[in-house]
Each structure stands twice: as structure tokens, then as C-alpha cells.
Amino acid sequence: MIQFENHLGVIELSQRYFSQLIGSAVSCSYGVAGMANSGVRQGMLALVRKNKPFPGRGVRVSKDGSGLCVELHIVIGYGLNISSITKSIVNKVRYTVEEATGLEVRKVNVFVDSVKTD
């Protein structure tokens, strides 16, 4: 649960909400072949789900002062420009989260965990 306080009171947004919001935005981005597990917990969840994709896969969101820090683990297609894909993802995630929640995104870290050769 991520909490922020403003003049109206305390705002609480669940980790699952952010994971689904960001996961769907990233999965639809050009060059992204899939999402990779971003930790032991997601690895265990992937084993239980028999590696079926789930919305929060590869997404981790944390509070950074008065803003958010987003960590993404992605798989990209072979032969594509990694730099341009990651810049596009950073801009899309920042825009999507700020428009949906009104919260500032301070950092978006994109980790390319593997390259798919299909």
C-alpha cells in the first residue's frame, strides 16, 4: 500500500493497482516481448501460475519522498534499439501514472533482463 497525504486527507493506492496500470502500459509498448520476474516473490508466483503472464509481472513501485519510484524488468525483441525502447517506456509509464493518479513519478528504472529471438 502506498500512502500520500494532501489537503483532503490520506490517499492509499494498492501495489496491485500500480502493477496492473503500469504492466498494461508497458506490455503494449513497441519492442516489448514480455515482462520478466522482478524478485523472488514474483518468481514463486510465476511457478505457481506455471509461467502464465500476470499483470504485475516485472513491476515494482515504491514511494520516493513525495513521488514514486518505478522499477521494470522487461524482455525485448532481438535486433531492436534498446535505448529508444527504454526511453519510450520511461515516457509512457511516467505519463500514464501521472495522468491516472496525479502523483509525481520521480524515477523509472528499466532493466532489460533478456532478449527474445522469435
N, C-alpha and C. Protein backbone atom coordinates (compact mmCIF):
# COMPACT_ATOMS: atom_id res chain seq x y z
N MET A 1 0.85 -1.17 0.00
CA MET A 1 0.00 0.00 0.00
C MET A 1 0.89 1.24 0.00
N ILE A 2 0.62 2.15 -0.90
CA ILE A 2 1.38 3.39 -0.98
C ILE A 2 0.45 4.52 -0.52
N GLN A 3 0.92 5.27 0.48
CA GLN A 3 0.11 6.32 1.09
C GLN A 3 0.71 7.70 0.81
N PHE A 4 -0.17 8.65 0.50
CA PHE A 4 0.20 10.05 0.35
C PHE A 4 -0.81 10.88 1.08
N GLU A 5 -0.34 11.99 1.61
CA GLU A 5 -1.24 12.88 2.33
C GLU A 5 -1.31 14.21 1.60
N ASN A 6 -2.53 14.73 1.44
CA ASN A 6 -2.72 16.05 0.86
C ASN A 6 -3.72 16.83 1.70
N HIS A 7 -4.17 17.96 1.20
CA HIS A 7 -5.08 18.80 1.98
C HIS A 7 -6.46 18.16 2.20
N LEU A 8 -6.79 17.14 1.42
CA LEU A 8 -8.08 16.47 1.59
C LEU A 8 -8.01 15.28 2.55
N GLY A 9 -6.80 14.79 2.82
CA GLY A 9 -6.65 13.64 3.70
C GLY A 9 -5.57 12.70 3.19
N VAL A 10 -5.70 11.45 3.59
CA VAL A 10 -4.71 10.43 3.23
C VAL A 10 -5.22 9.64 2.02
N ILE A 11 -4.34 9.48 1.03
CA ILE A 11 -4.67 8.69 -0.16
C ILE A 11 -3.88 7.40 -0.08
N GLU A 12 -4.58 6.28 -0.23
CA GLU A 12 -3.92 4.97 -0.23
C GLU A 12 -4.19 4.27 -1.55
N LEU A 13 -3.14 3.90 -2.25
CA LEU A 13 -3.25 3.16 -3.50
C LEU A 13 -2.52 1.84 -3.35
N SER A 14 -3.16 0.78 -3.80
CA SER A 14 -2.57 -0.55 -3.61
C SER A 14 -1.46 -0.81 -4.63
N GLN A 15 -0.57 -1.67 -4.25
CA GLN A 15 0.52 -2.11 -5.12
C GLN A 15 -0.05 -2.80 -6.37
N ARG A 16 -1.13 -3.52 -6.18
CA ARG A 16 -1.77 -4.23 -7.29
C ARG A 16 -2.30 -3.27 -8.34
N TYR A 17 -2.86 -2.15 -7.90
CA TYR A 17 -3.36 -1.14 -8.84
C TYR A 17 -2.23 -0.62 -9.73
N PHE A 18 -1.12 -0.24 -9.09
CA PHE A 18 0.03 0.26 -9.85
C PHE A 18 0.58 -0.81 -10.78
N SER A 19 0.66 -2.03 -10.30
CA SER A 19 1.20 -3.11 -11.11
C SER A 19 0.37 -3.34 -12.36
N GLN A 20 -0.94 -3.32 -12.22
CA GLN A 20 -1.81 -3.53 -13.38
C GLN A 20 -1.77 -2.34 -14.32
N LEU A 21 -1.77 -1.14 -13.79
CA LEU A 21 -1.73 0.07 -14.60
C LEU A 21 -0.44 0.13 -15.42
N ILE A 22 0.68 -0.04 -14.74
CA ILE A 22 1.97 0.06 -15.40
C ILE A 22 2.23 -1.15 -16.28
N GLY A 23 1.87 -2.33 -15.80
CA GLY A 23 2.08 -3.55 -16.58
C GLY A 23 1.37 -3.52 -17.91
N SER A 24 0.14 -3.03 -17.94
CA SER A 24 -0.59 -2.97 -19.21
C SER A 24 0.00 -1.91 -20.13
N ALA A 25 0.48 -0.80 -19.58
CA ALA A 25 1.10 0.24 -20.41
C ALA A 25 2.40 -0.25 -21.03
N VAL A 26 3.21 -0.96 -20.25
CA VAL A 26 4.50 -1.44 -20.75
C VAL A 26 4.31 -2.58 -21.75
N SER A 27 3.40 -3.49 -21.46
CA SER A 27 3.18 -4.64 -22.34
C SER A 27 2.73 -4.23 -23.73
N CYS A 28 2.05 -3.09 -23.83
CA CYS A 28 1.58 -2.60 -25.13
C CYS A 28 2.62 -1.74 -25.85
N SER A 29 3.77 -1.54 -25.26
CA SER A 29 4.80 -0.70 -25.87
C SER A 29 5.53 -1.45 -26.99
N TYR A 30 5.97 -0.70 -27.98
CA TYR A 30 6.71 -1.28 -29.10
C TYR A 30 8.01 -1.91 -28.63
N GLY A 31 8.29 -3.10 -29.11
CA GLY A 31 9.55 -3.78 -28.82
C GLY A 31 9.54 -4.66 -27.59
N VAL A 32 8.53 -4.53 -26.74
CA VAL A 32 8.48 -5.33 -25.52
C VAL A 32 7.87 -6.69 -25.85
N ALA A 33 8.67 -7.74 -25.67
CA ALA A 33 8.22 -9.10 -25.95
C ALA A 33 7.56 -9.72 -24.74
N GLY A 34 7.80 -9.16 -23.57
CA GLY A 34 7.21 -9.68 -22.35
C GLY A 34 7.81 -9.03 -21.13
N MET A 35 7.35 -9.47 -19.98
CA MET A 35 7.84 -8.97 -18.71
C MET A 35 8.58 -10.10 -18.00
N ALA A 36 9.62 -9.74 -17.26
CA ALA A 36 10.40 -10.72 -16.51
C ALA A 36 10.07 -10.57 -15.02
N ASN A 37 10.33 -11.60 -14.26
CA ASN A 37 10.07 -11.55 -12.82
C ASN A 37 11.02 -10.56 -12.15
N SER A 38 10.49 -9.77 -11.22
CA SER A 38 11.31 -8.75 -10.56
C SER A 38 11.55 -9.08 -9.10
N GLY A 39 11.87 -10.32 -8.83
CA GLY A 39 12.18 -10.70 -7.46
C GLY A 39 11.74 -12.11 -7.14
N VAL A 40 12.08 -12.54 -5.94
CA VAL A 40 11.78 -13.90 -5.51
C VAL A 40 10.28 -14.12 -5.42
N ARG A 41 9.56 -13.14 -4.90
CA ARG A 41 8.10 -13.30 -4.73
C ARG A 41 7.42 -13.50 -6.08
N GLN A 42 7.80 -12.71 -7.07
CA GLN A 42 7.20 -12.88 -8.39
C GLN A 42 7.66 -14.18 -9.05
N GLY A 43 8.88 -14.60 -8.77
CA GLY A 43 9.35 -15.89 -9.28
C GLY A 43 8.53 -17.04 -8.74
N MET A 44 8.22 -16.99 -7.45
CA MET A 44 7.39 -18.03 -6.85
C MET A 44 5.97 -17.99 -7.41
N LEU A 45 5.44 -16.78 -7.60
CA LEU A 45 4.10 -16.64 -8.18
C LEU A 45 4.07 -17.19 -9.60
N ALA A 46 5.13 -16.97 -10.36
CA ALA A 46 5.20 -17.49 -11.73
C ALA A 46 5.23 -19.02 -11.73
N LEU A 47 5.93 -19.60 -10.74
CA LEU A 47 5.95 -21.06 -10.65
C LEU A 47 4.57 -21.62 -10.33
N VAL A 48 3.86 -20.96 -9.43
CA VAL A 48 2.52 -21.40 -9.06
C VAL A 48 1.57 -21.27 -10.25
N ARG A 49 1.73 -20.21 -11.01
CA ARG A 49 0.86 -19.97 -12.17
C ARG A 49 1.38 -20.68 -13.42
N LYS A 50 2.43 -21.46 -13.28
CA LYS A 50 3.02 -22.21 -14.40
C LYS A 50 3.44 -21.29 -15.54
N ASN A 51 4.11 -20.18 -15.18
CA ASN A 51 4.65 -19.18 -16.11
C ASN A 51 3.61 -18.50 -17.01
N LYS A 52 2.34 -18.53 -16.61
CA LYS A 52 1.33 -17.76 -17.32
C LYS A 52 1.53 -16.29 -16.96
N PRO A 53 1.36 -15.40 -17.92
CA PRO A 53 1.56 -13.98 -17.60
C PRO A 53 0.52 -13.46 -16.61
N PHE A 54 0.94 -12.55 -15.76
CA PHE A 54 0.03 -11.89 -14.84
C PHE A 54 0.34 -10.40 -14.86
N PRO A 55 -0.64 -9.54 -14.57
CA PRO A 55 -0.50 -8.09 -14.79
C PRO A 55 0.66 -7.43 -14.06
N GLY A 56 0.99 -7.87 -12.88
CA GLY A 56 2.03 -7.20 -12.11
C GLY A 56 3.43 -7.74 -12.34
N ARG A 57 3.58 -8.64 -13.27
CA ARG A 57 4.88 -9.27 -13.50
C ARG A 57 5.88 -8.24 -13.99
N GLY A 58 7.03 -8.18 -13.34
CA GLY A 58 8.10 -7.29 -13.74
C GLY A 58 7.96 -5.86 -13.28
N VAL A 59 7.01 -5.58 -12.41
CA VAL A 59 6.77 -4.20 -11.96
C VAL A 59 6.93 -4.12 -10.45
N ARG A 60 7.68 -3.13 -10.02
CA ARG A 60 7.82 -2.86 -8.58
C ARG A 60 7.72 -1.35 -8.39
N VAL A 61 6.84 -0.92 -7.50
CA VAL A 61 6.62 0.51 -7.25
C VAL A 61 6.88 0.79 -5.78
N SER A 62 7.61 1.87 -5.52
CA SER A 62 7.87 2.27 -4.14
C SER A 62 7.72 3.78 -4.02
N LYS A 63 7.55 4.23 -2.79
CA LYS A 63 7.41 5.66 -2.51
C LYS A 63 8.80 6.27 -2.39
N ASP A 64 8.99 7.41 -3.04
CA ASP A 64 10.27 8.12 -3.01
C ASP A 64 10.01 9.57 -2.63
N GLY A 65 10.02 9.84 -1.33
CA GLY A 65 9.67 11.18 -0.86
C GLY A 65 8.20 11.45 -1.12
N SER A 66 7.93 12.48 -1.91
CA SER A 66 6.53 12.79 -2.23
C SER A 66 6.13 12.23 -3.60
N GLY A 67 7.01 11.45 -4.21
CA GLY A 67 6.72 10.88 -5.52
C GLY A 67 6.86 9.37 -5.52
N LEU A 68 6.94 8.80 -6.71
CA LEU A 68 7.04 7.35 -6.87
C LEU A 68 8.31 6.97 -7.60
N CYS A 69 8.80 5.78 -7.29
CA CYS A 69 9.93 5.18 -7.98
C CYS A 69 9.43 3.87 -8.58
N VAL A 70 9.56 3.72 -9.90
CA VAL A 70 9.06 2.54 -10.61
C VAL A 70 10.26 1.75 -11.14
N GLU A 71 10.22 0.45 -10.90
CA GLU A 71 11.26 -0.46 -11.40
C GLU A 71 10.59 -1.47 -12.32
N LEU A 72 11.12 -1.60 -13.54
CA LEU A 72 10.55 -2.50 -14.54
C LEU A 72 11.59 -3.51 -15.01
N HIS A 73 11.16 -4.75 -15.19
CA HIS A 73 12.02 -5.81 -15.73
C HIS A 73 11.33 -6.32 -16.99
N ILE A 74 11.99 -6.12 -18.15
CA ILE A 74 11.34 -6.44 -19.41
C ILE A 74 12.18 -7.41 -20.25
N VAL A 75 11.51 -7.99 -21.24
CA VAL A 75 12.14 -8.81 -22.27
C VAL A 75 11.84 -8.10 -23.59
N ILE A 76 12.89 -7.86 -24.39
CA ILE A 76 12.67 -7.17 -25.67
C ILE A 76 12.95 -8.09 -26.84
N GLY A 77 12.50 -7.66 -28.00
CA GLY A 77 12.72 -8.43 -29.23
C GLY A 77 14.13 -8.23 -29.75
N TYR A 78 14.65 -9.26 -30.38
CA TYR A 78 16.01 -9.24 -30.93
C TYR A 78 16.11 -8.24 -32.08
N GLY A 79 17.22 -7.52 -32.14
CA GLY A 79 17.51 -6.62 -33.25
C GLY A 79 16.91 -5.24 -33.11
N LEU A 80 16.34 -4.92 -31.98
CA LEU A 80 15.74 -3.61 -31.78
C LEU A 80 16.66 -2.71 -30.97
N ASN A 81 16.48 -1.42 -31.12
CA ASN A 81 17.31 -0.44 -30.42
C ASN A 81 16.87 -0.35 -28.96
N ILE A 82 17.69 -0.86 -28.07
CA ILE A 82 17.35 -0.92 -26.65
C ILE A 82 17.16 0.47 -26.06
N SER A 83 18.02 1.39 -26.43
CA SER A 83 17.96 2.74 -25.89
C SER A 83 16.64 3.43 -26.23
N SER A 84 16.22 3.36 -27.47
CA SER A 84 14.98 4.03 -27.86
C SER A 84 13.75 3.36 -27.23
N ILE A 85 13.79 2.04 -27.11
CA ILE A 85 12.67 1.33 -26.48
C ILE A 85 12.55 1.73 -25.01
N THR A 86 13.66 1.76 -24.29
CA THR A 86 13.60 2.10 -22.86
C THR A 86 13.19 3.56 -22.65
N LYS A 87 13.65 4.47 -23.50
CA LYS A 87 13.23 5.87 -23.39
C LYS A 87 11.73 6.01 -23.62
N SER A 88 11.22 5.29 -24.60
CA SER A 88 9.79 5.31 -24.88
C SER A 88 8.99 4.77 -23.70
N ILE A 89 9.47 3.69 -23.10
CA ILE A 89 8.79 3.10 -21.94
C ILE A 89 8.79 4.06 -20.76
N VAL A 90 9.92 4.70 -20.51
CA VAL A 90 10.01 5.65 -19.39
C VAL A 90 8.98 6.77 -19.57
N ASN A 91 8.91 7.33 -20.77
CA ASN A 91 7.95 8.41 -21.03
C ASN A 91 6.51 7.93 -20.90
N LYS A 92 6.22 6.75 -21.43
CA LYS A 92 4.85 6.22 -21.38
C LYS A 92 4.42 5.92 -19.96
N VAL A 93 5.30 5.31 -19.16
CA VAL A 93 4.98 5.00 -17.76
C VAL A 93 4.78 6.27 -16.96
N ARG A 94 5.67 7.22 -17.13
CA ARG A 94 5.55 8.49 -16.39
C ARG A 94 4.23 9.18 -16.73
N TYR A 95 3.89 9.26 -18.00
CA TYR A 95 2.65 9.90 -18.42
C TYR A 95 1.43 9.15 -17.89
N THR A 96 1.42 7.83 -18.04
CA THR A 96 0.27 7.02 -17.63
C THR A 96 -0.01 7.15 -16.13
N VAL A 97 1.03 7.03 -15.32
CA VAL A 97 0.85 7.09 -13.86
C VAL A 97 0.46 8.49 -13.41
N GLU A 98 1.10 9.50 -13.95
CA GLU A 98 0.78 10.86 -13.54
C GLU A 98 -0.63 11.27 -13.96
N GLU A 99 -1.08 10.82 -15.12
CA GLU A 99 -2.44 11.14 -15.57
C GLU A 99 -3.49 10.38 -14.75
N ALA A 100 -3.20 9.12 -14.42
CA ALA A 100 -4.19 8.30 -13.71
C ALA A 100 -4.29 8.64 -12.23
N THR A 101 -3.17 9.03 -11.61
CA THR A 101 -3.17 9.23 -10.16
C THR A 101 -2.91 10.66 -9.72
N GLY A 102 -2.27 11.45 -10.56
CA GLY A 102 -1.90 12.80 -10.16
C GLY A 102 -0.66 12.85 -9.31
N LEU A 103 0.01 11.72 -9.13
CA LEU A 103 1.24 11.64 -8.34
C LEU A 103 2.46 11.77 -9.24
N GLU A 104 3.49 12.41 -8.73
CA GLU A 104 4.71 12.60 -9.50
C GLU A 104 5.53 11.31 -9.54
N VAL A 105 6.04 10.98 -10.71
CA VAL A 105 6.94 9.84 -10.86
C VAL A 105 8.35 10.40 -10.90
N ARG A 106 9.13 10.13 -9.86
CA ARG A 106 10.49 10.67 -9.78
C ARG A 106 11.49 9.87 -10.58
N LYS A 107 11.36 8.55 -10.57
CA LYS A 107 12.31 7.69 -11.27
C LYS A 107 11.58 6.53 -11.93
N VAL A 108 12.05 6.16 -13.12
CA VAL A 108 11.61 4.94 -13.78
C VAL A 108 12.87 4.21 -14.20
N ASN A 109 13.14 3.10 -13.57
CA ASN A 109 14.31 2.28 -13.90
C ASN A 109 13.86 1.09 -14.73
N VAL A 110 14.42 0.95 -15.92
CA VAL A 110 14.06 -0.14 -16.81
C VAL A 110 15.26 -1.08 -16.93
N PHE A 111 15.03 -2.35 -16.59
CA PHE A 111 16.07 -3.39 -16.68
C PHE A 111 15.68 -4.35 -17.79
N VAL A 112 16.55 -4.51 -18.78
CA VAL A 112 16.31 -5.45 -19.86
C VAL A 112 16.94 -6.78 -19.39
N ASP A 113 16.09 -7.72 -18.99
CA ASP A 113 16.56 -8.98 -18.42
C ASP A 113 16.93 -10.01 -19.49
N SER A 114 16.28 -9.95 -20.64
CA SER A 114 16.65 -10.88 -21.72
C SER A 114 16.15 -10.36 -23.06
N VAL A 115 16.61 -11.03 -24.10
CA VAL A 115 16.22 -10.69 -25.47
C VAL A 115 15.58 -11.92 -26.09
N LYS A 116 14.42 -11.74 -26.67
CA LYS A 116 13.70 -12.84 -27.30
C LYS A 116 14.03 -12.87 -28.78
N THR A 117 14.34 -14.05 -29.30
CA THR A 117 14.78 -14.18 -30.69
C THR A 117 13.73 -14.75 -31.62
N ASP A 118 12.48 -14.64 -31.32
CA ASP A 118 11.42 -15.16 -32.20
C ASP A 118 11.19 -14.25 -33.36
